[in-house]
PDB file of N, CA and C in Angstrom:
ATOM      1  N   UNK A   1     -18.389  17.587  21.595  1.00  0.00           N
ATOM      2  CA  UNK A   1     -18.184  16.156  20.734  1.00  0.00           C
ATOM      3  C   UNK A   1     -17.559  16.921  19.284  1.00  0.00           C
ATOM      4  N   UNK A   2     -16.720  15.945  19.049  1.00  0.00           N
ATOM      5  CA  UNK A   2     -15.263  15.999  17.715  1.00  0.00           C
ATOM      6  C   UNK A   2     -16.216  15.256  16.554  1.00  0.00           C
ATOM      7  N   UNK A   3     -16.250  15.977  15.153  1.00  0.00           N
ATOM      8  CA  UNK A   3     -16.861  15.661  14.456  1.00  0.00           C
ATOM      9  C   UNK A   3     -16.089  14.418  13.473  1.00  0.00           C
ATOM     10  N   UNK A   4     -14.554  14.584  13.961  1.00  0.00           N
ATOM     11  CA  UNK A   4     -13.943  13.295  13.521  1.00  0.00           C
ATOM     12  C   UNK A   4     -14.034  11.792  13.990  1.00  0.00           C
ATOM     13  N   UNK A   5     -14.700  10.891  13.585  1.00  0.00           N
ATOM     14  CA  UNK A   5     -14.361   9.741  14.443  1.00  0.00           C
ATOM     15  C   UNK A   5     -13.296   9.257  15.076  1.00  0.00           C
ATOM     16  N   UNK A   6     -13.842   8.168  15.975  1.00  0.00           N
ATOM     17  CA  UNK A   6     -12.391   7.633  17.135  1.00  0.00           C
ATOM     18  C   UNK A   6     -11.876   6.608  16.636  1.00  0.00           C
ATOM     19  N   UNK A   7     -10.434   6.852  15.808  1.00  0.00           N
ATOM     20  CA  UNK A   7      -9.488   5.858  15.159  1.00  0.00           C
ATOM     21  C   UNK A   7      -8.818   4.559  15.948  1.00  0.00           C
ATOM     22  N   UNK A   8      -8.772   3.951  15.575  1.00  0.00           N
ATOM     23  CA  UNK A   8      -7.984   2.140  16.556  1.00  0.00           C
ATOM     24  C   UNK A   8      -6.828   3.087  16.377  1.00  0.00           C
ATOM     25  N   UNK A   9      -5.709   2.287  17.499  1.00  0.00           N
ATOM     26  CA  UNK A   9      -4.690   2.731  17.617  1.00  0.00           C
ATOM     27  C   UNK A   9      -4.034   1.867  15.919  1.00  0.00           C
ATOM     28  N   UNK A  10      -4.522   0.899  15.196  1.00  0.00           N
ATOM     29  CA  UNK A  10      -4.029   0.480  13.671  1.00  0.00           C
ATOM     30  C   UNK A  10      -4.118   1.333  13.148  1.00  0.00           C
ATOM     31  N   UNK A  11      -5.205   2.117  13.276  1.00  0.00           N
ATOM     32  CA  UNK A  11      -5.841   2.527  11.924  1.00  0.00           C
ATOM     33  C   UNK A  11      -5.157   4.251  12.058  1.00  0.00           C
ATOM     34  N   UNK A  12      -4.638   4.753  12.970  1.00  0.00           N
ATOM     35  CA  UNK A  12      -3.993   5.599  13.604  1.00  0.00           C
ATOM     36  C   UNK A  12      -2.088   5.371  12.782  1.00  0.00           C
ATOM     37  N   UNK A  13      -1.816   4.735  12.959  1.00  0.00           N
ATOM     38  CA  UNK A  13      -0.223   3.691  12.881  1.00  0.00           C
ATOM     39  C   UNK A  13      -0.282   4.206  11.157  1.00  0.00           C
ATOM     40  N   UNK A  14      -1.222   3.291  10.207  1.00  0.00           N
ATOM     41  CA  UNK A  14      -1.761   3.387   9.428  1.00  0.00           C
ATOM     42  C   UNK A  14      -1.655   4.516   8.693  1.00  0.00           C
ATOM     43  N   UNK A  15      -1.884   5.490   9.019  1.00  0.00           N
ATOM     44  CA  UNK A  15      -2.344   6.616   8.826  1.00  0.00           C
ATOM     45  C   UNK A  15      -1.406   7.614   8.664  1.00  0.00           C
ATOM     46  N   UNK A  16      -0.551   7.601   9.733  1.00  0.00           N
ATOM     47  CA  UNK A  16       0.806   7.766   9.755  1.00  0.00           C
ATOM     48  C   UNK A  16       1.868   7.435   8.977  1.00  0.00           C
ATOM     49  N   UNK A  17       1.626   6.166   8.826  1.00  0.00           N
ATOM     50  CA  UNK A  17       2.970   5.395   7.768  1.00  0.00           C
ATOM     51  C   UNK A  17       2.423   6.218   6.467  1.00  0.00           C
ATOM     52  N   UNK A  18       1.140   6.230   6.281  1.00  0.00           N
ATOM     53  CA  UNK A  18       0.474   7.044   4.980  1.00  0.00           C
ATOM     54  C   UNK A  18       1.462   8.499   4.491  1.00  0.00           C
ATOM     55  N   UNK A  19       1.136   9.106   5.568  1.00  0.00           N
ATOM     56  CA  UNK A  19       1.683  10.753   5.298  1.00  0.00           C
ATOM     57  C   UNK A  19       2.948  10.457   5.185  1.00  0.00           C
ATOM     58  N   UNK A  20       3.855   9.145   6.384  1.00  0.00           N
ATOM     59  CA  UNK A  20       5.530   9.363   5.860  1.00  0.00           C
ATOM     60  C   UNK A  20       5.685   9.206   4.474  1.00  0.00           C
ATOM     61  N   UNK A  21       4.809   8.400   4.104  1.00  0.00           N
ATOM     62  CA  UNK A  21       5.129   7.703   2.393  1.00  0.00           C
ATOM     63  C   UNK A  21       4.834   8.883   1.244  1.00  0.00           C
ATOM     64  N   UNK A  22       3.841  10.001   1.656  1.00  0.00           N
ATOM     65  CA  UNK A  22       3.723  10.859   1.021  1.00  0.00           C
ATOM     66  C   UNK A  22       4.728  11.948   1.051  1.00  0.00           C
ATOM     67  N   UNK A  23       4.884  12.056   2.291  1.00  0.00           N
ATOM     68  CA  UNK A  23       6.037  13.133   2.402  1.00  0.00           C
ATOM     69  C   UNK A  23       7.684  12.615   1.939  1.00  0.00           C
ATOM     70  N   UNK A  24       7.741  11.581   1.881  1.00  0.00           N
ATOM     71  CA  UNK A  24       9.169  10.905   1.594  1.00  0.00           C
ATOM     72  C   UNK A  24       9.250  10.800  -0.503  1.00  0.00           C
ATOM     73  N   UNK A  25       8.085  10.532  -0.786  1.00  0.00           N
ATOM     74  CA  UNK A  25       8.096  10.351  -1.622  1.00  0.00           C
ATOM     75  C   UNK A  25       7.651  11.630  -2.415  1.00  0.00           C
ATOM     76  N   UNK A  26       7.535  13.095  -1.993  1.00  0.00           N
ATOM     77  CA  UNK A  26       7.512  14.315  -2.890  1.00  0.00           C
ATOM     78  C   UNK A  26       6.415  14.918  -3.785  1.00  0.00           C
ATOM     79  N   UNK A  27       5.178  13.936  -2.524  1.00  0.00           N
ATOM     80  CA  UNK A  27       3.892  14.140  -3.375  1.00  0.00           C
ATOM     81  C   UNK A  27       3.691  15.429  -2.936  1.00  0.00           C
ATOM     82  N   UNK A  28       3.255  16.385  -4.337  1.00  0.00           N
ATOM     83  CA  UNK A  28       2.821  17.925  -3.684  1.00  0.00           C
ATOM     84  C   UNK A  28       1.682  18.017  -5.379  1.00  0.00           C
ATOM     85  N   UNK A  29       0.893  17.041  -5.882  1.00  0.00           N
ATOM     86  CA  UNK A  29      -0.097  17.475  -6.811  1.00  0.00           C
ATOM     87  C   UNK A  29      -0.636  16.384  -6.717  1.00  0.00           C
ATOM     88  N   UNK A  30      -1.598  16.215  -7.283  1.00  0.00           N
ATOM     89  CA  UNK A  30      -3.015  14.998  -7.270  1.00  0.00           C
ATOM     90  C   UNK A  30      -2.794  14.078  -8.304  1.00  0.00           C
ATOM     91  N   UNK A  31      -1.374  14.358  -9.538  1.00  0.00           N
ATOM     92  CA  UNK A  31      -1.107  13.957 -10.278  1.00  0.00           C
ATOM     93  C   UNK A  31       0.616  12.769  -9.791  1.00  0.00           C
ATOM     94  N   UNK A  32       0.868  13.684  -8.918  1.00  0.00           N
ATOM     95  CA  UNK A  32       2.198  12.777  -7.709  1.00  0.00           C
ATOM     96  C   UNK A  32       1.078  12.119  -7.580  1.00  0.00           C
ATOM     97  N   UNK A  33       0.133  11.872  -7.009  1.00  0.00           N
ATOM     98  CA  UNK A  33      -1.029  11.069  -5.743  1.00  0.00           C
ATOM     99  C   UNK A  33      -1.447   9.494  -7.014  1.00  0.00           C
ATOM    100  N   UNK A  34      -1.935  10.186  -8.110  1.00  0.00           N
ATOM    101  CA  UNK A  34      -2.596   9.195  -8.908  1.00  0.00           C
ATOM    102  C   UNK A  34      -1.297   8.182  -9.658  1.00  0.00           C
ATOM    103  N   UNK A  35       0.201   8.698  -9.713  1.00  0.00           N
ATOM    104  CA  UNK A  35       1.421   8.065  -9.714  1.00  0.00           C
ATOM    105  C   UNK A  35       1.588   7.037  -8.977  1.00  0.00           C
ATOM    106  N   UNK A  36       1.972   7.248  -7.389  1.00  0.00           N
ATOM    107  CA  UNK A  36       2.236   6.803  -6.686  1.00  0.00           C
ATOM    108  C   UNK A  36       0.752   6.038  -6.350  1.00  0.00           C
ATOM    109  N   UNK A  37      -0.294   5.706  -6.804  1.00  0.00           N
ATOM    110  CA  UNK A  37      -1.280   5.106  -6.751  1.00  0.00           C
ATOM    111  C   UNK A  37      -1.226   3.724  -7.535  1.00  0.00           C
ATOM    112  N   UNK A  38      -1.099   4.134  -8.795  1.00  0.00           N
ATOM    113  CA  UNK A  38      -0.680   3.305  -9.753  1.00  0.00           C
ATOM    114  C   UNK A  38       0.285   2.073  -9.881  1.00  0.00           C
ATOM    115  N   UNK A  39       1.664   3.184  -9.009  1.00  0.00           N
ATOM    116  CA  UNK A  39       2.831   2.154  -8.674  1.00  0.00           C
ATOM    117  C   UNK A  39       2.509   1.436  -7.590  1.00  0.00           C
ATOM    118  N   UNK A  40       1.240   1.814  -6.211  1.00  0.00           N
ATOM    119  CA  UNK A  40       1.176   0.725  -5.282  1.00  0.00           C
ATOM    120  C   UNK A  40       0.434  -0.666  -5.645  1.00  0.00           C
ATOM    121  N   UNK A  41      -0.467  -0.047  -6.902  1.00  0.00           N
ATOM    122  CA  UNK A  41      -1.773  -1.446  -7.284  1.00  0.00           C
ATOM    123  C   UNK A  41      -0.575  -2.327  -8.037  1.00  0.00           C
ATOM    124  N   UNK A  42       0.284  -1.522  -8.926  1.00  0.00           N
ATOM    125  CA  UNK A  42       1.012  -2.626  -9.959  1.00  0.00           C
ATOM    126  C   UNK A  42       2.007  -3.506  -8.966  1.00  0.00           C
ATOM    127  N   UNK A  43       2.113  -2.811  -8.316  1.00  0.00           N
ATOM    128  CA  UNK A  43       2.584  -3.895  -6.699  1.00  0.00           C
ATOM    129  C   UNK A  43       1.693  -5.188  -6.337  1.00  0.00           C
ATOM    130  N   UNK A  44       1.047  -4.751  -5.772  1.00  0.00           N
ATOM    131  CA  UNK A  44       0.186  -5.745  -5.309  1.00  0.00           C
ATOM    132  C   UNK A  44      -0.225  -6.734  -6.130  1.00  0.00           C
ATOM    133  N   UNK A  45      -0.489  -5.767  -7.416  1.00  0.00           N
ATOM    134  CA  UNK A  45      -0.707  -6.877  -8.308  1.00  0.00           C
ATOM    135  C   UNK A  45       0.215  -7.910  -8.798  1.00  0.00           C
ATOM    136  N   UNK A  46       1.672  -7.380  -9.154  1.00  0.00           N
ATOM    137  CA  UNK A  46       2.810  -8.390  -9.380  1.00  0.00           C
ATOM    138  C   UNK A  46       2.977  -9.436  -8.318  1.00  0.00           C
ATOM    139  N   UNK A  47       2.874  -9.415  -6.934  1.00  0.00           N
ATOM    140  CA  UNK A  47       3.164  -9.660  -5.457  1.00  0.00           C
ATOM    141  C   UNK A  47       1.972 -10.850  -5.595  1.00  0.00           C
ATOM    142  N   UNK A  48       1.138 -10.389  -5.811  1.00  0.00           N
ATOM    143  CA  UNK A  48       0.221 -11.373  -5.871  1.00  0.00           C
ATOM    144  C   UNK A  48      -0.239 -12.566  -6.640  1.00  0.00           C
ATOM    145  N   UNK A  49       0.141 -12.089  -8.176  1.00  0.00           N
ATOM    146  CA  UNK A  49       0.518 -12.848  -9.292  1.00  0.00           C
ATOM    147  C   UNK A  49       1.421 -13.988  -8.844  1.00  0.00           C
ATOM    148  N   UNK A  50       2.641 -13.461  -8.479  1.00  0.00           N
ATOM    149  CA  UNK A  50       3.811 -14.196  -8.423  1.00  0.00           C
ATOM    150  C   UNK A  50       3.319 -15.002  -7.069  1.00  0.00           C
ATOM    151  N   UNK A  51       2.843 -14.829  -5.914  1.00  0.00           N
ATOM    152  CA  UNK A  51       2.171 -15.264  -4.899  1.00  0.00           C
ATOM    153  C   UNK A  51       1.406 -17.059  -5.160  1.00  0.00           C
ATOM    154  N   UNK A  52       0.111 -16.462  -6.262  1.00  0.00           N
ATOM    155  CA  UNK A  52      -0.731 -17.289  -6.572  1.00  0.00           C
ATOM    156  C   UNK A  52       0.077 -18.787  -7.078  1.00  0.00           C
ATOM    157  N   UNK A  53       0.648 -19.211  -7.745  1.00  0.00           N
ATOM    158  CA  UNK A  53       1.316 -20.331  -8.113  1.00  0.00           C
ATOM    159  C   UNK A  53       2.215 -20.882  -7.333  1.00  0.00           C
ATOM    160  N   UNK A  54       2.871 -20.607  -6.612  1.00  0.00           N
ATOM    161  CA  UNK A  54       3.397 -20.514  -4.866  1.00  0.00           C
ATOM    162  C   UNK A  54       2.206 -21.495  -4.378  1.00  0.00           C
ATOM    163  N   UNK A  55       1.119 -21.112  -4.190  1.00  0.00           N
ATOM    164  CA  UNK A  55       0.373 -21.924  -3.390  1.00  0.00           C
ATOM    165  C   UNK A  55      -0.289 -22.988  -4.097  1.00  0.00           C
ATOM    166  N   UNK A  56      -0.586 -22.533  -5.193  1.00  0.00           N
ATOM    167  CA  UNK A  56      -1.120 -23.852  -5.926  1.00  0.00           C
ATOM    168  C   UNK A  56      -0.103 -24.306  -6.407  1.00  0.00           C
ATOM    169  N   UNK A  57       1.009 -24.841  -6.246  1.00  0.00           N
ATOM    170  CA  UNK A  57       2.079 -25.506  -6.701  1.00  0.00           C
ATOM    171  C   UNK A  57       2.782 -26.401  -5.483  1.00  0.00           C
ATOM    172  N   UNK A  58       2.816 -25.355  -4.321  1.00  0.00           N
ATOM    173  CA  UNK A  58       3.705 -25.872  -3.165  1.00  0.00           C
ATOM    174  C   UNK A  58       4.751 -25.411  -3.068  1.00  0.00           C
ATOM    175  N   UNK A  59       5.534 -24.696  -4.339  1.00  0.00           N
ATOM    176  CA  UNK A  59       7.166 -23.830  -4.143  1.00  0.00           C
ATOM    177  C   UNK A  59       7.194 -23.397  -5.080  1.00  0.00           C
ATOM    178  N   UNK A  60       7.743 -22.295  -5.184  1.00  0.00           N
ATOM    179  CA  UNK A  60       7.908 -21.133  -5.340  1.00  0.00           C
ATOM    180  C   UNK A  60       8.747 -20.994  -6.834  1.00  0.00           C
ATOM    181  N   UNK A  61       8.589 -20.432  -8.081  1.00  0.00           N
ATOM    182  CA  UNK A  61       9.615 -20.572  -9.449  1.00  0.00           C
ATOM    183  C   UNK A  61      10.827 -20.492  -9.306  1.00  0.00           C
ATOM    184  N   UNK A  62      11.164 -20.239  -8.388  1.00  0.00           N
ATOM    185  CA  UNK A  62      13.023 -20.222  -8.415  1.00  0.00           C
ATOM    186  C   UNK A  62      13.574 -21.173  -7.766  1.00  0.00           C
ATOM    187  N   UNK A  63      12.270 -22.226  -7.462  1.00  0.00           N
ATOM    188  CA  UNK A  63      12.725 -23.430  -6.632  1.00  0.00           C
ATOM    189  C   UNK A  63      13.358 -24.365  -7.970  1.00  0.00           C
TER     190      UNK A  63
END
């Protein structure tokens, strides 16, 4: 029996995309991973904060 747990096709696809991102981003150290993580979190926060008023008001700030 394998020590790895069985992953769903969706999880396998997600993990493959993460591998591709790491390779294309030139990640070669822990510091690179930390910087990529910070950029990713900042992007999620920015998108979330931009979307919040749209949902509350029913229109975007650019309308």
